[in-house]
PDB file of N, CA and C in Angstrom:
ATOM      1  N   MET A   1      10.324  28.480   1.348  1.00  0.00           N
ATOM      2  CA  MET A   1       9.086  27.862   0.932  1.00  0.00           C
ATOM      3  C   MET A   1       7.972  28.150   1.937  1.00  0.00           C
ATOM      4  N   GLY A   2       8.218  27.980   3.215  1.00  0.00           N
ATOM      5  CA  GLY A   2       7.253  28.356   4.216  1.00  0.00           C
ATOM      6  C   GLY A   2       6.082  27.412   4.396  1.00  0.00           C
ATOM      7  N   LYS A   3       6.084  26.258   3.786  1.00  0.00           N
ATOM      8  CA  LYS A   3       4.960  25.332   3.876  1.00  0.00           C
ATOM      9  C   LYS A   3       5.139  24.297   4.975  1.00  0.00           C
ATOM     10  N   MET A   4       6.350  24.049   5.416  1.00  0.00           N
ATOM     11  CA  MET A   4       6.613  23.028   6.422  1.00  0.00           C
ATOM     12  C   MET A   4       6.802  23.689   7.781  1.00  0.00           C
ATOM     13  N   ARG A   5       6.357  22.983   8.810  1.00  0.00           N
ATOM     14  CA  ARG A   5       6.532  23.492  10.167  1.00  0.00           C
ATOM     15  C   ARG A   5       6.781  22.309  11.098  1.00  0.00           C
ATOM     16  N   PRO A   6       7.418  22.530  12.240  1.00  0.00           N
ATOM     17  CA  PRO A   6       7.674  21.440  13.183  1.00  0.00           C
ATOM     18  C   PRO A   6       6.366  20.841  13.702  1.00  0.00           C
ATOM     19  N   ASN A   7       6.407  19.550  13.981  1.00  0.00           N
ATOM     20  CA  ASN A   7       5.231  18.848  14.466  1.00  0.00           C
ATOM     21  C   ASN A   7       5.541  18.268  15.833  1.00  0.00           C
ATOM     22  N   THR A   8       4.596  18.331  16.754  1.00  0.00           N
ATOM     23  CA  THR A   8       4.813  17.828  18.101  1.00  0.00           C
ATOM     24  C   THR A   8       3.908  16.635  18.416  1.00  0.00           C
ATOM     25  N   LEU A   9       3.293  16.051  17.395  1.00  0.00           N
ATOM     26  CA  LEU A   9       2.434  14.901  17.617  1.00  0.00           C
ATOM     27  C   LEU A   9       3.258  13.670  17.994  1.00  0.00           C
ATOM     28  N   GLU A  10       2.583  12.676  18.566  1.00  0.00           N
ATOM     29  CA  GLU A  10       3.275  11.468  19.020  1.00  0.00           C
ATOM     30  C   GLU A  10       3.746  10.604  17.849  1.00  0.00           C
ATOM     31  N   TYR A  11       2.927  10.509  16.809  1.00  0.00           N
ATOM     32  CA  TYR A  11       3.251   9.651  15.673  1.00  0.00           C
ATOM     33  C   TYR A  11       3.695  10.511  14.498  1.00  0.00           C
ATOM     34  N   VAL A  12       4.969  10.752  14.413  1.00  0.00           N
ATOM     35  CA  VAL A  12       5.532  11.553  13.333  1.00  0.00           C
ATOM     36  C   VAL A  12       6.762  10.840  12.788  1.00  0.00           C
ATOM     37  N   CYS A  13       7.195  11.258  11.624  1.00  0.00           N
ATOM     38  CA  CYS A  13       8.469  10.788  11.092  1.00  0.00           C
ATOM     39  C   CYS A  13       9.283  12.011  10.680  1.00  0.00           C
ATOM     40  N   LYS A  14      10.566  11.887  10.788  1.00  0.00           N
ATOM     41  CA  LYS A  14      11.448  12.993  10.437  1.00  0.00           C
ATOM     42  C   LYS A  14      11.503  13.110   8.919  1.00  0.00           C
ATOM     43  N   VAL A  15      11.247  14.305   8.431  1.00  0.00           N
ATOM     44  CA  VAL A  15      11.231  14.549   6.992  1.00  0.00           C
ATOM     45  C   VAL A  15      12.354  15.508   6.650  1.00  0.00           C
ATOM     46  N   THR A  16      13.086  15.176   5.588  1.00  0.00           N
ATOM     47  CA  THR A  16      14.200  16.003   5.151  1.00  0.00           C
ATOM     48  C   THR A  16      14.047  16.278   3.662  1.00  0.00           C
ATOM     49  N   LEU A  17      14.340  17.465   3.254  1.00  0.00           N
ATOM     50  CA  LEU A  17      14.333  17.826   1.843  1.00  0.00           C
ATOM     51  C   LEU A  17      15.786  17.906   1.392  1.00  0.00           C
ATOM     52  N   LEU A  18      16.223  16.914   0.625  1.00  0.00           N
ATOM     53  CA  LEU A  18      17.610  16.851   0.176  1.00  0.00           C
ATOM     54  C   LEU A  18      17.745  17.469  -1.209  1.00  0.00           C
ATOM     55  N   ILE A  19      18.896  18.062  -1.466  1.00  0.00           N
ATOM     56  CA  ILE A  19      19.187  18.597  -2.796  1.00  0.00           C
ATOM     57  C   ILE A  19      20.228  17.685  -3.430  1.00  0.00           C
ATOM     58  N   LYS A  20      19.873  17.087  -4.573  1.00  0.00           N
ATOM     59  CA  LYS A  20      20.765  16.164  -5.262  1.00  0.00           C
ATOM     60  C   LYS A  20      21.881  16.924  -5.982  1.00  0.00           C
ATOM     61  N   LYS A  21      22.850  16.166  -6.515  1.00  0.00           N
ATOM     62  CA  LYS A  21      23.971  16.769  -7.224  1.00  0.00           C
ATOM     63  C   LYS A  21      23.517  17.512  -8.471  1.00  0.00           C
ATOM     64  N   ASP A  22      22.436  17.017  -9.107  1.00  0.00           N
ATOM     65  CA  ASP A  22      21.956  17.672 -10.325  1.00  0.00           C
ATOM     66  C   ASP A  22      21.063  18.877 -10.025  1.00  0.00           C
ATOM     67  N   GLY A  23      20.836  19.199  -8.743  1.00  0.00           N
ATOM     68  CA  GLY A  23      20.049  20.357  -8.356  1.00  0.00           C
ATOM     69  C   GLY A  23      18.589  20.062  -8.066  1.00  0.00           C
ATOM     70  N   SER A  24      18.136  18.855  -8.389  1.00  0.00           N
ATOM     71  CA  SER A  24      16.744  18.498  -8.106  1.00  0.00           C
ATOM     72  C   SER A  24      16.586  18.180  -6.625  1.00  0.00           C
ATOM     73  N   ARG A  25      15.354  18.192  -6.163  1.00  0.00           N
ATOM     74  CA  ARG A  25      15.082  17.968  -4.739  1.00  0.00           C
ATOM     75  C   ARG A  25      14.508  16.577  -4.514  1.00  0.00           C
ATOM     76  N   LEU A  26      14.827  16.023  -3.357  1.00  0.00           N
ATOM     77  CA  LEU A  26      14.333  14.709  -2.960  1.00  0.00           C
ATOM     78  C   LEU A  26      13.679  14.835  -1.593  1.00  0.00           C
ATOM     79  N   PHE A  27      12.409  14.447  -1.508  1.00  0.00           N
ATOM     80  CA  PHE A  27      11.653  14.474  -0.256  1.00  0.00           C
ATOM     81  C   PHE A  27      11.899  13.136   0.429  1.00  0.00           C
ATOM     82  N   TYR A  28      12.577  13.137   1.561  1.00  0.00           N
ATOM     83  CA  TYR A  28      12.987  11.915   2.246  1.00  0.00           C
ATOM     84  C   TYR A  28      12.339  11.866   3.622  1.00  0.00           C
ATOM     85  N   GLY A  29      11.674  10.745   3.928  1.00  0.00           N
ATOM     86  CA  GLY A  29      11.072  10.554   5.242  1.00  0.00           C
ATOM     87  C   GLY A  29      11.680   9.343   5.931  1.00  0.00           C
ATOM     88  N   ASN A  30      12.112   9.514   7.180  1.00  0.00           N
ATOM     89  CA  ASN A  30      12.675   8.417   7.965  1.00  0.00           C
ATOM     90  C   ASN A  30      11.539   7.811   8.799  1.00  0.00           C
ATOM     91  N   TYR A  31      11.015   6.677   8.351  1.00  0.00           N
ATOM     92  CA  TYR A  31       9.868   6.048   8.993  1.00  0.00           C
ATOM     93  C   TYR A  31      10.254   5.004  10.039  1.00  0.00           C
ATOM     94  N   ARG A  32      11.529   4.776  10.281  1.00  0.00           N
ATOM     95  CA  ARG A  32      11.935   3.744  11.239  1.00  0.00           C
ATOM     96  C   ARG A  32      11.415   3.987  12.655  1.00  0.00           C
ATOM     97  N   PRO A  33      11.503   5.195  13.220  1.00  0.00           N
ATOM     98  CA  PRO A  33      10.937   5.401  14.565  1.00  0.00           C
ATOM     99  C   PRO A  33       9.423   5.201  14.597  1.00  0.00           C
ATOM    100  N   LEU A  34       8.734   5.622  13.548  1.00  0.00           N
ATOM    101  CA  LEU A  34       7.295   5.435  13.477  1.00  0.00           C
ATOM    102  C   LEU A  34       6.941   3.952  13.394  1.00  0.00           C
ATOM    103  N   ASN A  35       7.693   3.203  12.610  1.00  0.00           N
ATOM    104  CA  ASN A  35       7.445   1.760  12.491  1.00  0.00           C
ATOM    105  C   ASN A  35       7.693   1.026  13.802  1.00  0.00           C
ATOM    106  N   MET A  36       8.615   1.514  14.613  1.00  0.00           N
ATOM    107  CA  MET A  36       8.870   0.866  15.904  1.00  0.00           C
ATOM    108  C   MET A  36       7.719   1.108  16.884  1.00  0.00           C
ATOM    109  N   GLN A  37       6.959   2.203  16.719  1.00  0.00           N
ATOM    110  CA  GLN A  37       5.843   2.506  17.604  1.00  0.00           C
ATOM    111  C   GLN A  37       4.571   1.753  17.219  1.00  0.00           C
ATOM    112  N   THR A  38       4.420   1.423  15.953  1.00  0.00           N
ATOM    113  CA  THR A  38       3.186   0.772  15.514  1.00  0.00           C
ATOM    114  C   THR A  38       3.224  -0.718  15.818  1.00  0.00           C
ATOM    115  N   GLN A  39       2.051  -1.298  16.012  1.00  0.00           N
ATOM    116  CA  GLN A  39       1.938  -2.726  16.295  1.00  0.00           C
ATOM    117  C   GLN A  39       1.459  -3.454  15.048  1.00  0.00           C
ATOM    118  N   LYS A  40       1.999  -4.640  14.849  1.00  0.00           N
ATOM    119  CA  LYS A  40       1.564  -5.448  13.712  1.00  0.00           C
ATOM    120  C   LYS A  40       0.158  -5.957  13.952  1.00  0.00           C
ATOM    121  N   ASP A  41      -0.556  -6.169  12.873  1.00  0.00           N
ATOM    122  CA  ASP A  41      -1.934  -6.645  12.952  1.00  0.00           C
ATOM    123  C   ASP A  41      -1.946  -8.078  13.475  1.00  0.00           C
ATOM    124  N   ALA A  42      -2.722  -8.319  14.532  1.00  0.00           N
ATOM    125  CA  ALA A  42      -2.796  -9.657  15.114  1.00  0.00           C
ATOM    126  C   ALA A  42      -3.575 -10.613  14.207  1.00  0.00           C
ATOM    127  N   TYR A  43      -4.456 -10.063  13.367  1.00  0.00           N
ATOM    128  CA  TYR A  43      -5.262 -10.872  12.452  1.00  0.00           C
ATOM    129  C   TYR A  43      -5.042 -10.357  11.037  1.00  0.00           C
ATOM    130  N   PRO A  44      -3.988 -10.837  10.369  1.00  0.00           N
ATOM    131  CA  PRO A  44      -3.725 -10.348   9.017  1.00  0.00           C
ATOM    132  C   PRO A  44      -4.820 -10.797   8.043  1.00  0.00           C
ATOM    133  N   MET A  45      -4.884 -10.128   6.915  1.00  0.00           N
ATOM    134  CA  MET A  45      -5.889 -10.472   5.908  1.00  0.00           C
ATOM    135  C   MET A  45      -5.642 -11.886   5.392  1.00  0.00           C
ATOM    136  N   PRO A  46      -6.705 -12.650   5.149  1.00  0.00           N
ATOM    137  CA  PRO A  46      -6.526 -14.010   4.633  1.00  0.00           C
ATOM    138  C   PRO A  46      -6.105 -13.985   3.169  1.00  0.00           C
ATOM    139  N   LEU A  47      -5.512 -15.078   2.736  1.00  0.00           N
ATOM    140  CA  LEU A  47      -5.139 -15.208   1.332  1.00  0.00           C
ATOM    141  C   LEU A  47      -6.393 -15.298   0.476  1.00  0.00           C
ATOM    142  N   ILE A  48      -6.370 -14.694  -0.694  1.00  0.00           N
ATOM    143  CA  ILE A  48      -7.537 -14.689  -1.558  1.00  0.00           C
ATOM    144  C   ILE A  48      -7.890 -16.103  -2.007  1.00  0.00           C
ATOM    145  N   GLU A  49      -6.890 -16.972  -2.150  1.00  0.00           N
ATOM    146  CA  GLU A  49      -7.159 -18.359  -2.547  1.00  0.00           C
ATOM    147  C   GLU A  49      -7.986 -19.071  -1.484  1.00  0.00           C
ATOM    148  N   ASP A  50      -7.701 -18.803  -0.211  1.00  0.00           N
ATOM    149  CA  ASP A  50      -8.457 -19.427   0.873  1.00  0.00           C
ATOM    150  C   ASP A  50      -9.896 -18.933   0.905  1.00  0.00           C
ATOM    151  N   VAL A  51     -10.089 -17.644   0.667  1.00  0.00           N
ATOM    152  CA  VAL A  51     -11.440 -17.086   0.675  1.00  0.00           C
ATOM    153  C   VAL A  51     -12.254 -17.652  -0.481  1.00  0.00           C
ATOM    154  N   LEU A  52     -11.644 -17.725  -1.665  1.00  0.00           N
ATOM    155  CA  LEU A  52     -12.355 -18.250  -2.833  1.00  0.00           C
ATOM    156  C   LEU A  52     -12.700 -19.724  -2.664  1.00  0.00           C
ATOM    157  N   SER A  53     -11.814 -20.490  -2.046  1.00  0.00           N
ATOM    158  CA  SER A  53     -12.106 -21.905  -1.842  1.00  0.00           C
ATOM    159  C   SER A  53     -13.237 -22.097  -0.836  1.00  0.00           C
ATOM    160  N   GLN A  54     -13.376 -21.206   0.129  1.00  0.00           N
ATOM    161  CA  GLN A  54     -14.483 -21.295   1.079  1.00  0.00           C
ATOM    162  C   GLN A  54     -15.822 -21.037   0.405  1.00  0.00           C
ATOM    163  N   PHE A  55     -15.826 -20.208  -0.632  1.00  0.00           N
ATOM    164  CA  PHE A  55     -17.058 -19.918  -1.352  1.00  0.00           C
ATOM    165  C   PHE A  55     -17.325 -20.903  -2.479  1.00  0.00           C
ATOM    166  N   GLY A  56     -16.428 -21.844  -2.695  1.00  0.00           N
ATOM    167  CA  GLY A  56     -16.641 -22.878  -3.694  1.00  0.00           C
ATOM    168  C   GLY A  56     -16.124 -22.546  -5.077  1.00  0.00           C
ATOM    169  N   PHE A  57     -15.355 -21.480  -5.226  1.00  0.00           N
ATOM    170  CA  PHE A  57     -14.776 -21.158  -6.524  1.00  0.00           C
ATOM    171  C   PHE A  57     -13.546 -22.018  -6.755  1.00  0.00           C
ATOM    172  N   ALA A  58     -13.240 -22.227  -8.034  1.00  0.00           N
ATOM    173  CA  ALA A  58     -12.044 -22.991  -8.370  1.00  0.00           C
ATOM    174  C   ALA A  58     -10.813 -22.217  -7.919  1.00  0.00           C
ATOM    175  N   ASN A  59      -9.809 -22.943  -7.538  1.00  0.00           N
ATOM    176  CA  ASN A  59      -8.589 -22.326  -7.025  1.00  0.00           C
ATOM    177  C   ASN A  59      -7.589 -22.101  -8.148  1.00  0.00           C
ATOM    178  N   SER A  60      -8.062 -21.584  -9.292  1.00  0.00           N
ATOM    179  CA  SER A  60      -7.190 -21.385 -10.437  1.00  0.00           C
ATOM    180  C   SER A  60      -6.537 -20.006 -10.447  1.00  0.00           C
ATOM    181  N   GLY A  61      -7.007 -19.108  -9.611  1.00  0.00           N
ATOM    182  CA  GLY A  61      -6.451 -17.772  -9.599  1.00  0.00           C
ATOM    183  C   GLY A  61      -7.241 -16.788 -10.439  1.00  0.00           C
ATOM    184  N   PHE A  62      -8.196 -17.287 -11.224  1.00  0.00           N
ATOM    185  CA  PHE A  62      -9.001 -16.418 -12.071  1.00  0.00           C
ATOM    186  C   PHE A  62     -10.476 -16.689 -11.825  1.00  0.00           C
ATOM    187  N   LEU A  63     -11.281 -15.668 -11.925  1.00  0.00           N
ATOM    188  CA  LEU A  63     -12.726 -15.828 -11.895  1.00  0.00           C
ATOM    189  C   LEU A  63     -13.219 -15.708 -13.331  1.00  0.00           C
ATOM    190  N   HIS A  64     -13.862 -16.748 -13.820  1.00  0.00           N
ATOM    191  CA  HIS A  64     -14.331 -16.751 -15.198  1.00  0.00           C
ATOM    192  C   HIS A  64     -15.799 -16.378 -15.238  1.00  0.00           C
ATOM    193  N   SER A  65     -16.171 -15.575 -16.202  1.00  0.00           N
ATOM    194  CA  SER A  65     -17.565 -15.215 -16.384  1.00  0.00           C
ATOM    195  C   SER A  65     -17.913 -15.376 -17.850  1.00  0.00           C
ATOM    196  N   THR A  66     -19.178 -15.595 -18.124  1.00  0.00           N
ATOM    197  CA  THR A  66     -19.618 -15.768 -19.502  1.00  0.00           C
ATOM    198  C   THR A  66     -20.193 -14.456 -20.022  1.00  0.00           C
ATOM    199  N   CYS A  67     -20.148 -14.290 -21.327  1.00  0.00           N
ATOM    200  CA  CYS A  67     -20.737 -13.126 -21.953  1.00  0.00           C
ATOM    201  C   CYS A  67     -21.305 -13.529 -23.301  1.00  0.00           C
ATOM    202  N   LYS A  68     -22.131 -12.693 -23.861  1.00  0.00           N
ATOM    203  CA  LYS A  68     -22.761 -12.981 -25.144  1.00  0.00           C
ATOM    204  C   LYS A  68     -21.726 -12.896 -26.251  1.00  0.00           C
ATOM    205  N   GLU A  69     -21.964 -13.658 -27.311  1.00  0.00           N
ATOM    206  CA  GLU A  69     -21.036 -13.670 -28.443  1.00  0.00           C
ATOM    207  C   GLU A  69     -20.963 -12.313 -29.132  1.00  0.00           C
ATOM    208  N   ASP A  70     -22.076 -11.616 -29.241  1.00  0.00           N
ATOM    209  CA  ASP A  70     -22.091 -10.340 -29.950  1.00  0.00           C
ATOM    210  C   ASP A  70     -21.478  -9.204 -29.128  1.00  0.00           C
ATOM    211  N   PHE A  71     -21.124  -9.473 -27.899  1.00  0.00           N
ATOM    212  CA  PHE A  71     -20.533  -8.449 -27.026  1.00  0.00           C
ATOM    213  C   PHE A  71     -19.058  -8.259 -27.317  1.00  0.00           C
ATOM    214  N   GLY A  72     -18.450  -9.186 -28.019  1.00  0.00           N
ATOM    215  CA  GLY A  72     -17.019  -9.087 -28.346  1.00  0.00           C
ATOM    216  C   GLY A  72     -16.246 -10.147 -27.591  1.00  0.00           C
ATOM    217  N   LYS A  73     -14.946 -10.049 -27.663  1.00  0.00           N
ATOM    218  CA  LYS A  73     -14.096 -11.028 -26.974  1.00  0.00           C
ATOM    219  C   LYS A  73     -14.205 -10.843 -25.478  1.00  0.00           C
ATOM    220  N   CYS A  74     -14.161 -11.958 -24.757  1.00  0.00           N
ATOM    221  CA  CYS A  74     -14.230 -11.911 -23.291  1.00  0.00           C
ATOM    222  C   CYS A  74     -12.878 -12.162 -22.698  1.00  0.00           C
TER     223      CYS A  74
END
């Protein structure tokens, strides 16, 4: 194939091209070493319910909007 080449960067994962029993190919990446090098986010994203409640929206999980009757079903 000639498209793949070794990589010497610090953040890489080992990639293997496996051939299944039926002859098809499976692209497999081992991300465990890469995941051990990365750090978890110290400030994860807030829950959408918390953000909506801060803005005064109902905490129903849906944002409702109105539309004209002749526009069709909403």
